[in-house]
Amino acid sequence: MEYVLWHALTAGPRKYGQDGISQNDITKLKSNFINADSWIIFDDNLEETGLGINEWSHRFNIAVKNNPGLIYDDYRCRIDFPTFNVLF
């Protein structure tokens, strides 16, 4: 889920599941991210873990390059995926 939410934060509103992620959702997400000064991920060993922006961006770009399906709820969809750089 953290990959889909980051994709929405960097790329804009999008469909997900039965509904979608709206601009209002993204605004709230961005505010929470800035206030926490980290991106929360789920780690199998450490459970919920906060990562700084540089570490998370690096991890996101590598993971999605290796598995573009991470940002889709339909894993049959495969596309060429650009590297995202986020400026706050």
PDB file of N, CA and C in Angstrom:
ATOM      1  N   MET A   1       0.816  -1.192   0.000  1.00  0.00           N
ATOM      2  CA  MET A   1       0.000   0.000   0.000  1.00  0.00           C
ATOM      3  C   MET A   1       0.867   1.267   0.000  1.00  0.00           C
ATOM      4  N   GLU A   2       2.011   1.218   0.706  1.00  0.00           N
ATOM      5  CA  GLU A   2       2.860   2.405   0.763  1.00  0.00           C
ATOM      6  C   GLU A   2       3.366   2.815  -0.615  1.00  0.00           C
ATOM      7  N   TYR A   3       3.501   1.850  -1.522  1.00  0.00           N
ATOM      8  CA  TYR A   3       3.948   2.165  -2.880  1.00  0.00           C
ATOM      9  C   TYR A   3       2.847   2.869  -3.672  1.00  0.00           C
ATOM     10  N   VAL A   4       1.637   2.394  -3.541  1.00  0.00           N
ATOM     11  CA  VAL A   4       0.497   3.010  -4.231  1.00  0.00           C
ATOM     12  C   VAL A   4       0.279   4.426  -3.724  1.00  0.00           C
ATOM     13  N   LEU A   5       0.338   4.612  -2.411  1.00  0.00           N
ATOM     14  CA  LEU A   5       0.131   5.952  -1.846  1.00  0.00           C
ATOM     15  C   LEU A   5       1.234   6.913  -2.279  1.00  0.00           C
ATOM     16  N   TRP A   6       2.480   6.445  -2.308  1.00  0.00           N
ATOM     17  CA  TRP A   6       3.578   7.310  -2.761  1.00  0.00           C
ATOM     18  C   TRP A   6       3.401   7.670  -4.227  1.00  0.00           C
ATOM     19  N   HIS A   7       2.977   6.705  -5.020  1.00  0.00           N
ATOM     20  CA  HIS A   7       2.730   6.965  -6.436  1.00  0.00           C
ATOM     21  C   HIS A   7       1.667   8.048  -6.574  1.00  0.00           C
ATOM     22  N   ALA A   8       0.596   7.969  -5.800  1.00  0.00           N
ATOM     23  CA  ALA A   8      -0.449   8.997  -5.849  1.00  0.00           C
ATOM     24  C   ALA A   8       0.109  10.346  -5.409  1.00  0.00           C
ATOM     25  N   LEU A   9       0.927  10.359  -4.372  1.00  0.00           N
ATOM     26  CA  LEU A   9       1.508  11.607  -3.882  1.00  0.00           C
ATOM     27  C   LEU A   9       2.375  12.266  -4.945  1.00  0.00           C
ATOM     28  N   THR A  10       3.094  11.468  -5.722  1.00  0.00           N
ATOM     29  CA  THR A  10       4.006  12.019  -6.715  1.00  0.00           C
ATOM     30  C   THR A  10       3.379  12.213  -8.088  1.00  0.00           C
ATOM     31  N   ALA A  11       2.350  11.431  -8.402  1.00  0.00           N
ATOM     32  CA  ALA A  11       1.764  11.473  -9.750  1.00  0.00           C
ATOM     33  C   ALA A  11       0.364  12.075  -9.798  1.00  0.00           C
ATOM     34  N   GLY A  12      -0.306  12.173  -8.659  1.00  0.00           N
ATOM     35  CA  GLY A  12      -1.639  12.769  -8.634  1.00  0.00           C
ATOM     36  C   GLY A  12      -2.740  11.751  -8.423  1.00  0.00           C
ATOM     37  N   PRO A  13      -3.986  12.238  -8.395  1.00  0.00           N
ATOM     38  CA  PRO A  13      -5.143  11.364  -8.135  1.00  0.00           C
ATOM     39  C   PRO A  13      -5.147  10.151  -9.059  1.00  0.00           C
ATOM     40  N   ARG A  14      -5.670   9.059  -8.538  1.00  0.00           N
ATOM     41  CA  ARG A  14      -5.677   7.823  -9.309  1.00  0.00           C
ATOM     42  C   ARG A  14      -6.746   6.871  -8.791  1.00  0.00           C
ATOM     43  N   LYS A  15      -7.118   5.953  -9.635  1.00  0.00           N
ATOM     44  CA  LYS A  15      -8.044   4.903  -9.241  1.00  0.00           C
ATOM     45  C   LYS A  15      -7.270   3.883  -8.416  1.00  0.00           C
ATOM     46  N   TYR A  16      -7.930   3.342  -7.404  1.00  0.00           N
ATOM     47  CA  TYR A  16      -7.338   2.263  -6.641  1.00  0.00           C
ATOM     48  C   TYR A  16      -8.456   1.467  -5.986  1.00  0.00           C
ATOM     49  N   GLY A  17      -8.447   0.170  -6.183  1.00  0.00           N
ATOM     50  CA  GLY A  17      -9.480  -0.677  -5.600  1.00  0.00           C
ATOM     51  C   GLY A  17     -10.850  -0.322  -6.143  1.00  0.00           C
ATOM     52  N   GLN A  18     -11.831  -0.283  -5.269  1.00  0.00           N
ATOM     53  CA  GLN A  18     -13.198   0.033  -5.661  1.00  0.00           C
ATOM     54  C   GLN A  18     -13.435   1.531  -5.783  1.00  0.00           C
ATOM     55  N   ASP A  19     -12.498   2.338  -5.351  1.00  0.00           N
ATOM     56  CA  ASP A  19     -12.678   3.785  -5.312  1.00  0.00           C
ATOM     57  C   ASP A  19     -11.484   4.456  -5.959  1.00  0.00           C
ATOM     58  N   GLY A  20     -10.837   5.321  -5.243  1.00  0.00           N
ATOM     59  CA  GLY A  20      -9.687   6.018  -5.776  1.00  0.00           C
ATOM     60  C   GLY A  20      -9.007   6.831  -4.701  1.00  0.00           C
ATOM     61  N   ILE A  21      -7.937   7.468  -5.080  1.00  0.00           N
ATOM     62  CA  ILE A  21      -7.205   8.375  -4.196  1.00  0.00           C
ATOM     63  C   ILE A  21      -7.371   9.761  -4.793  1.00  0.00           C
ATOM     64  N   SER A  22      -8.101  10.614  -4.087  1.00  0.00           N
ATOM     65  CA  SER A  22      -8.467  11.944  -4.584  1.00  0.00           C
ATOM     66  C   SER A  22      -7.388  12.973  -4.259  1.00  0.00           C
ATOM     67  N   GLN A  23      -7.540  14.151  -4.837  1.00  0.00           N
ATOM     68  CA  GLN A  23      -6.616  15.250  -4.516  1.00  0.00           C
ATOM     69  C   GLN A  23      -6.711  15.607  -3.044  1.00  0.00           C
ATOM     70  N   ASN A  24      -7.904  15.536  -2.474  1.00  0.00           N
ATOM     71  CA  ASN A  24      -8.083  15.798  -1.047  1.00  0.00           C
ATOM     72  C   ASN A  24      -7.304  14.759  -0.213  1.00  0.00           C
ATOM     73  N   ASP A  25      -7.384  13.495  -0.604  1.00  0.00           N
ATOM     74  CA  ASP A  25      -6.612  12.449   0.078  1.00  0.00           C
ATOM     75  C   ASP A  25      -5.115  12.735  -0.011  1.00  0.00           C
ATOM     76  N   ILE A  26      -4.675  13.150  -1.183  1.00  0.00           N
ATOM     77  CA  ILE A  26      -3.252  13.433  -1.405  1.00  0.00           C
ATOM     78  C   ILE A  26      -2.796  14.614  -0.561  1.00  0.00           C
ATOM     79  N   THR A  27      -3.619  15.645  -0.451  1.00  0.00           N
ATOM     80  CA  THR A  27      -3.292  16.810   0.374  1.00  0.00           C
ATOM     81  C   THR A  27      -3.098  16.396   1.828  1.00  0.00           C
ATOM     82  N   LYS A  28      -3.992  15.557   2.353  1.00  0.00           N
ATOM     83  CA  LYS A  28      -3.868  15.065   3.727  1.00  0.00           C
ATOM     84  C   LYS A  28      -2.618  14.192   3.888  1.00  0.00           C
ATOM     85  N   LEU A  29      -2.390  13.334   2.918  1.00  0.00           N
ATOM     86  CA  LEU A  29      -1.224  12.455   2.949  1.00  0.00           C
ATOM     87  C   LEU A  29       0.070  13.262   2.952  1.00  0.00           C
ATOM     88  N   LYS A  30       0.132  14.274   2.098  1.00  0.00           N
ATOM     89  CA  LYS A  30       1.324  15.124   2.028  1.00  0.00           C
ATOM     90  C   LYS A  30       1.553  15.843   3.354  1.00  0.00           C
ATOM     91  N   SER A  31       0.486  16.346   3.952  1.00  0.00           N
ATOM     92  CA  SER A  31       0.597  17.032   5.241  1.00  0.00           C
ATOM     93  C   SER A  31       1.129  16.079   6.314  1.00  0.00           C
ATOM     94  N   ASN A  32       0.596  14.864   6.352  1.00  0.00           N
ATOM     95  CA  ASN A  32       1.062  13.879   7.338  1.00  0.00           C
ATOM     96  C   ASN A  32       2.520  13.512   7.110  1.00  0.00           C
ATOM     97  N   PHE A  33       2.883  13.358   5.851  1.00  0.00           N
ATOM     98  CA  PHE A  33       4.262  13.022   5.504  1.00  0.00           C
ATOM     99  C   PHE A  33       5.219  14.127   5.950  1.00  0.00           C
ATOM    100  N   ILE A  34       4.865  15.360   5.667  1.00  0.00           N
ATOM    101  CA  ILE A  34       5.720  16.490   6.044  1.00  0.00           C
ATOM    102  C   ILE A  34       5.815  16.612   7.556  1.00  0.00           C
ATOM    103  N   ASN A  35       4.686  16.472   8.256  1.00  0.00           N
ATOM    104  CA  ASN A  35       4.689  16.573   9.718  1.00  0.00           C
ATOM    105  C   ASN A  35       5.504  15.457  10.372  1.00  0.00           C
ATOM    106  N   ALA A  36       5.437  14.266   9.814  1.00  0.00           N
ATOM    107  CA  ALA A  36       6.174  13.129  10.376  1.00  0.00           C
ATOM    108  C   ALA A  36       7.641  13.137   9.956  1.00  0.00           C
ATOM    109  N   ASP A  37       7.941  13.867   8.897  1.00  0.00           N
ATOM    110  CA  ASP A  37       9.289  13.911   8.335  1.00  0.00           C
ATOM    111  C   ASP A  37       9.803  12.507   8.016  1.00  0.00           C
ATOM    112  N   SER A  38       8.867  11.645   7.627  1.00  0.00           N
ATOM    113  CA  SER A  38       9.232  10.286   7.222  1.00  0.00           C
ATOM    114  C   SER A  38       8.061   9.650   6.490  1.00  0.00           C
ATOM    115  N   TRP A  39       8.362   8.581   5.775  1.00  0.00           N
ATOM    116  CA  TRP A  39       7.345   7.807   5.089  1.00  0.00           C
ATOM    117  C   TRP A  39       7.240   6.479   5.821  1.00  0.00           C
ATOM    118  N   ILE A  40       6.017   6.121   6.221  1.00  0.00           N
ATOM    119  CA  ILE A  40       5.810   4.908   6.999  1.00  0.00           C
ATOM    120  C   ILE A  40       5.638   3.721   6.052  1.00  0.00           C
ATOM    121  N   ILE A  41       6.426   2.690   6.289  1.00  0.00           N
ATOM    122  CA  ILE A  41       6.313   1.457   5.494  1.00  0.00           C
ATOM    123  C   ILE A  41       6.060   0.299   6.444  1.00  0.00           C
ATOM    124  N   PHE A  42       5.612  -0.816   5.898  1.00  0.00           N
ATOM    125  CA  PHE A  42       5.505  -2.026   6.698  1.00  0.00           C
ATOM    126  C   PHE A  42       6.665  -2.933   6.345  1.00  0.00           C
ATOM    127  N   ASP A  43       7.438  -3.282   7.340  1.00  0.00           N
ATOM    128  CA  ASP A  43       8.581  -4.177   7.190  1.00  0.00           C
ATOM    129  C   ASP A  43       8.230  -5.486   7.893  1.00  0.00           C
ATOM    130  N   ASP A  44       8.468  -6.612   7.226  1.00  0.00           N
ATOM    131  CA  ASP A  44       8.120  -7.915   7.804  1.00  0.00           C
ATOM    132  C   ASP A  44       8.783  -8.167   9.153  1.00  0.00           C
ATOM    133  N   ASN A  45       9.976  -7.667   9.344  1.00  0.00           N
ATOM    134  CA  ASN A  45      10.686  -7.892  10.605  1.00  0.00           C
ATOM    135  C   ASN A  45      10.422  -6.801  11.632  1.00  0.00           C
ATOM    136  N   LEU A  46      10.394  -5.547  11.182  1.00  0.00           N
ATOM    137  CA  LEU A  46      10.271  -4.420  12.107  1.00  0.00           C
ATOM    138  C   LEU A  46       8.851  -3.867  12.209  1.00  0.00           C
ATOM    139  N   GLU A  47       7.941  -4.388  11.390  1.00  0.00           N
ATOM    140  CA  GLU A  47       6.567  -3.910  11.274  1.00  0.00           C
ATOM    141  C   GLU A  47       6.565  -2.474  10.774  1.00  0.00           C
ATOM    142  N   GLU A  48       5.759  -1.564  11.352  1.00  0.00           N
ATOM    143  CA  GLU A  48       5.704  -0.196  10.848  1.00  0.00           C
ATOM    144  C   GLU A  48       7.019   0.513  11.128  1.00  0.00           C
ATOM    145  N   THR A  49       7.586   1.094  10.072  1.00  0.00           N
ATOM    146  CA  THR A  49       8.889   1.720  10.172  1.00  0.00           C
ATOM    147  C   THR A  49       8.883   3.026   9.389  1.00  0.00           C
ATOM    148  N   GLY A  50       9.425   4.083   9.971  1.00  0.00           N
ATOM    149  CA  GLY A  50       9.534   5.362   9.281  1.00  0.00           C
ATOM    150  C   GLY A  50      10.873   5.482   8.565  1.00  0.00           C
ATOM    151  N   LEU A  51      10.824   5.886   7.296  1.00  0.00           N
ATOM    152  CA  LEU A  51      12.046   6.107   6.519  1.00  0.00           C
ATOM    153  C   LEU A  51      12.120   7.565   6.102  1.00  0.00           C
ATOM    154  N   GLY A  52      13.319   8.133   6.107  1.00  0.00           N
ATOM    155  CA  GLY A  52      13.519   9.486   5.608  1.00  0.00           C
ATOM    156  C   GLY A  52      13.262   9.550   4.108  1.00  0.00           C
ATOM    157  N   ILE A  53      13.040  10.750   3.597  1.00  0.00           N
ATOM    158  CA  ILE A  53      12.680  10.940   2.190  1.00  0.00           C
ATOM    159  C   ILE A  53      13.710  10.350   1.235  1.00  0.00           C
ATOM    160  N   ASN A  54      14.986  10.548   1.477  1.00  0.00           N
ATOM    161  CA  ASN A  54      16.008  10.025   0.567  1.00  0.00           C
ATOM    162  C   ASN A  54      16.035   8.506   0.541  1.00  0.00           C
ATOM    163  N   GLU A  55      15.981   7.899   1.725  1.00  0.00           N
ATOM    164  CA  GLU A  55      15.990   6.438   1.793  1.00  0.00           C
ATOM    165  C   GLU A  55      14.733   5.856   1.145  1.00  0.00           C
ATOM    166  N   TRP A  56      13.563   6.453   1.441  1.00  0.00           N
ATOM    167  CA  TRP A  56      12.324   5.946   0.860  1.00  0.00           C
ATOM    168  C   TRP A  56      12.300   6.128  -0.652  1.00  0.00           C
ATOM    169  N   SER A  57      12.685   7.298  -1.164  1.00  0.00           N
ATOM    170  CA  SER A  57      12.683   7.528  -2.613  1.00  0.00           C
ATOM    171  C   SER A  57      13.574   6.512  -3.323  1.00  0.00           C
ATOM    172  N   HIS A  58      14.736   6.276  -2.753  1.00  0.00           N
ATOM    173  CA  HIS A  58      15.665   5.299  -3.333  1.00  0.00           C
ATOM    174  C   HIS A  58      15.034   3.901  -3.333  1.00  0.00           C
ATOM    175  N   ARG A  59      14.485   3.502  -2.208  1.00  0.00           N
ATOM    176  CA  ARG A  59      13.862   2.186  -2.087  1.00  0.00           C
ATOM    177  C   ARG A  59      12.675   2.052  -3.044  1.00  0.00           C
ATOM    178  N   PHE A  60      11.844   3.093  -3.124  1.00  0.00           N
ATOM    179  CA  PHE A  60      10.683   3.090  -4.018  1.00  0.00           C
ATOM    180  C   PHE A  60      11.113   2.914  -5.466  1.00  0.00           C
ATOM    181  N   ASN A  61      12.063   3.720  -5.910  1.00  0.00           N
ATOM    182  CA  ASN A  61      12.488   3.672  -7.311  1.00  0.00           C
ATOM    183  C   ASN A  61      13.059   2.311  -7.695  1.00  0.00           C
ATOM    184  N   ILE A  62      13.855   1.725  -6.838  1.00  0.00           N
ATOM    185  CA  ILE A  62      14.416   0.406  -7.126  1.00  0.00           C
ATOM    186  C   ILE A  62      13.310  -0.654  -7.148  1.00  0.00           C
ATOM    187  N   ALA A  63      12.445  -0.631  -6.139  1.00  0.00           N
ATOM    188  CA  ALA A  63      11.394  -1.641  -6.042  1.00  0.00           C
ATOM    189  C   ALA A  63      10.441  -1.588  -7.234  1.00  0.00           C
ATOM    190  N   VAL A  64      10.037  -0.389  -7.632  1.00  0.00           N
ATOM    191  CA  VAL A  64       9.083  -0.265  -8.733  1.00  0.00           C
ATOM    192  C   VAL A  64       9.749  -0.559 -10.081  1.00  0.00           C
ATOM    193  N   LYS A  65      11.020  -0.231 -10.193  1.00  0.00           N
ATOM    194  CA  LYS A  65      11.731  -0.588 -11.421  1.00  0.00           C
ATOM    195  C   LYS A  65      11.769  -2.108 -11.579  1.00  0.00           C
ATOM    196  N   ASN A  66      11.999  -2.820 -10.483  1.00  0.00           N
ATOM    197  CA  ASN A  66      12.048  -4.279 -10.509  1.00  0.00           C
ATOM    198  C   ASN A  66      10.678  -4.928 -10.557  1.00  0.00           C
ATOM    199  N   ASN A  67       9.659  -4.236 -10.061  1.00  0.00           N
ATOM    200  CA  ASN A  67       8.307  -4.794 -10.019  1.00  0.00           C
ATOM    201  C   ASN A  67       7.274  -3.680 -10.178  1.00  0.00           C
ATOM    202  N   PRO A  68       7.011  -3.238 -11.411  1.00  0.00           N
ATOM    203  CA  PRO A  68       6.051  -2.147 -11.631  1.00  0.00           C
ATOM    204  C   PRO A  68       4.656  -2.439 -11.090  1.00  0.00           C
ATOM    205  N   GLY A  69       4.331  -3.687 -10.903  1.00  0.00           N
ATOM    206  CA  GLY A  69       3.019  -4.049 -10.373  1.00  0.00           C
ATOM    207  C   GLY A  69       2.775  -3.566  -8.956  1.00  0.00           C
ATOM    208  N   LEU A  70       3.829  -3.145  -8.248  1.00  0.00           N
ATOM    209  CA  LEU A  70       3.664  -2.661  -6.877  1.00  0.00           C
ATOM    210  C   LEU A  70       2.723  -1.468  -6.774  1.00  0.00           C
ATOM    211  N   ILE A  71       2.612  -0.689  -7.841  1.00  0.00           N
ATOM    212  CA  ILE A  71       1.785   0.521  -7.752  1.00  0.00           C
ATOM    213  C   ILE A  71       0.402   0.342  -8.366  1.00  0.00           C
ATOM    214  N   TYR A  72       0.038  -0.896  -8.664  1.00  0.00           N
ATOM    215  CA  TYR A  72      -1.264  -1.168  -9.245  1.00  0.00           C
ATOM    216  C   TYR A  72      -2.018  -2.192  -8.423  1.00  0.00           C
ATOM    217  N   ASP A  73      -3.331  -2.061  -8.401  1.00  0.00           N
ATOM    218  CA  ASP A  73      -4.127  -3.093  -7.751  1.00  0.00           C
ATOM    219  C   ASP A  73      -4.420  -4.220  -8.729  1.00  0.00           C
ATOM    220  N   ASP A  74      -4.089  -4.025 -10.012  1.00  0.00           N
ATOM    221  CA  ASP A  74      -4.211  -5.061 -11.027  1.00  0.00           C
ATOM    222  C   ASP A  74      -2.803  -5.432 -11.460  1.00  0.00           C
ATOM    223  N   TYR A  75      -2.249  -6.504 -10.919  1.00  0.00           N
ATOM    224  CA  TYR A  75      -0.863  -6.872 -11.169  1.00  0.00           C
ATOM    225  C   TYR A  75      -0.600  -7.344 -12.594  1.00  0.00           C
ATOM    226  N   ARG A  76      -1.648  -7.448 -13.420  1.00  0.00           N
ATOM    227  CA  ARG A  76      -1.436  -7.813 -14.818  1.00  0.00           C
ATOM    228  C   ARG A  76      -0.943  -6.621 -15.619  1.00  0.00           C
ATOM    229  N   CYS A  77      -1.101  -5.420 -15.087  1.00  0.00           N
ATOM    230  CA  CYS A  77      -0.714  -4.200 -15.798  1.00  0.00           C
ATOM    231  C   CYS A  77       0.789  -3.980 -15.637  1.00  0.00           C
ATOM    232  N   ARG A  78       1.499  -3.882 -16.745  1.00  0.00           N
ATOM    233  CA  ARG A  78       2.931  -3.612 -16.698  1.00  0.00           C
ATOM    234  C   ARG A  78       3.237  -2.471 -17.646  1.00  0.00           C
ATOM    235  N   ILE A  79       4.008  -1.510 -17.184  1.00  0.00           N
ATOM    236  CA  ILE A  79       4.390  -0.366 -18.001  1.00  0.00           C
ATOM    237  C   ILE A  79       5.846  -0.025 -17.741  1.00  0.00           C
ATOM    238  N   ASP A  80       6.428   0.785 -18.601  1.00  0.00           N
ATOM    239  CA  ASP A  80       7.725   1.366 -18.300  1.00  0.00           C
ATOM    240  C   ASP A  80       7.482   2.463 -17.281  1.00  0.00           C
ATOM    241  N   PHE A  81       8.229   2.469 -16.219  1.00  0.00           N
ATOM    242  CA  PHE A  81       7.950   3.362 -15.105  1.00  0.00           C
ATOM    243  C   PHE A  81       9.109   4.320 -14.893  1.00  0.00           C
ATOM    244  N   PRO A  82       8.844   5.635 -14.923  1.00  0.00           N
ATOM    245  CA  PRO A  82       9.930   6.603 -14.722  1.00  0.00           C
ATOM    246  C   PRO A  82      10.350   6.700 -13.256  1.00  0.00           C
ATOM    247  N   THR A  83      11.532   7.211 -13.034  1.00  0.00           N
ATOM    248  CA  THR A  83      11.994   7.507 -11.684  1.00  0.00           C
ATOM    249  C   THR A  83      11.348   8.807 -11.242  1.00  0.00           C
ATOM    250  N   PHE A  84      10.806   8.820 -10.016  1.00  0.00           N
ATOM    251  CA  PHE A  84      10.165  10.025  -9.508  1.00  0.00           C
ATOM    252  C   PHE A  84      11.108  10.742  -8.559  1.00  0.00           C
ATOM    253  N   ASN A  85      11.196  12.023  -8.719  1.00  0.00           N
ATOM    254  CA  ASN A  85      11.918  12.867  -7.797  1.00  0.00           C
ATOM    255  C   ASN A  85      10.897  13.841  -7.220  1.00  0.00           C
ATOM    256  N   VAL A  86      10.793  13.877  -5.920  1.00  0.00           N
ATOM    257  CA  VAL A  86       9.801  14.713  -5.270  1.00  0.00           C
ATOM    258  C   VAL A  86      10.482  15.877  -4.584  1.00  0.00           C
ATOM    259  N   LEU A  87       9.995  17.053  -4.835  1.00  0.00           N
ATOM    260  CA  LEU A  87      10.534  18.245  -4.187  1.00  0.00           C
ATOM    261  C   LEU A  87       9.473  18.823  -3.277  1.00  0.00           C
ATOM    262  N   PHE A  88       9.830  19.004  -2.005  1.00  0.00           N
ATOM    263  CA  PHE A  88       8.907  19.624  -1.042  1.00  0.00           C
ATOM    264  C   PHE A  88       9.546  20.870  -0.511  1.00  0.00           C
TER     265      PHE A  88
END
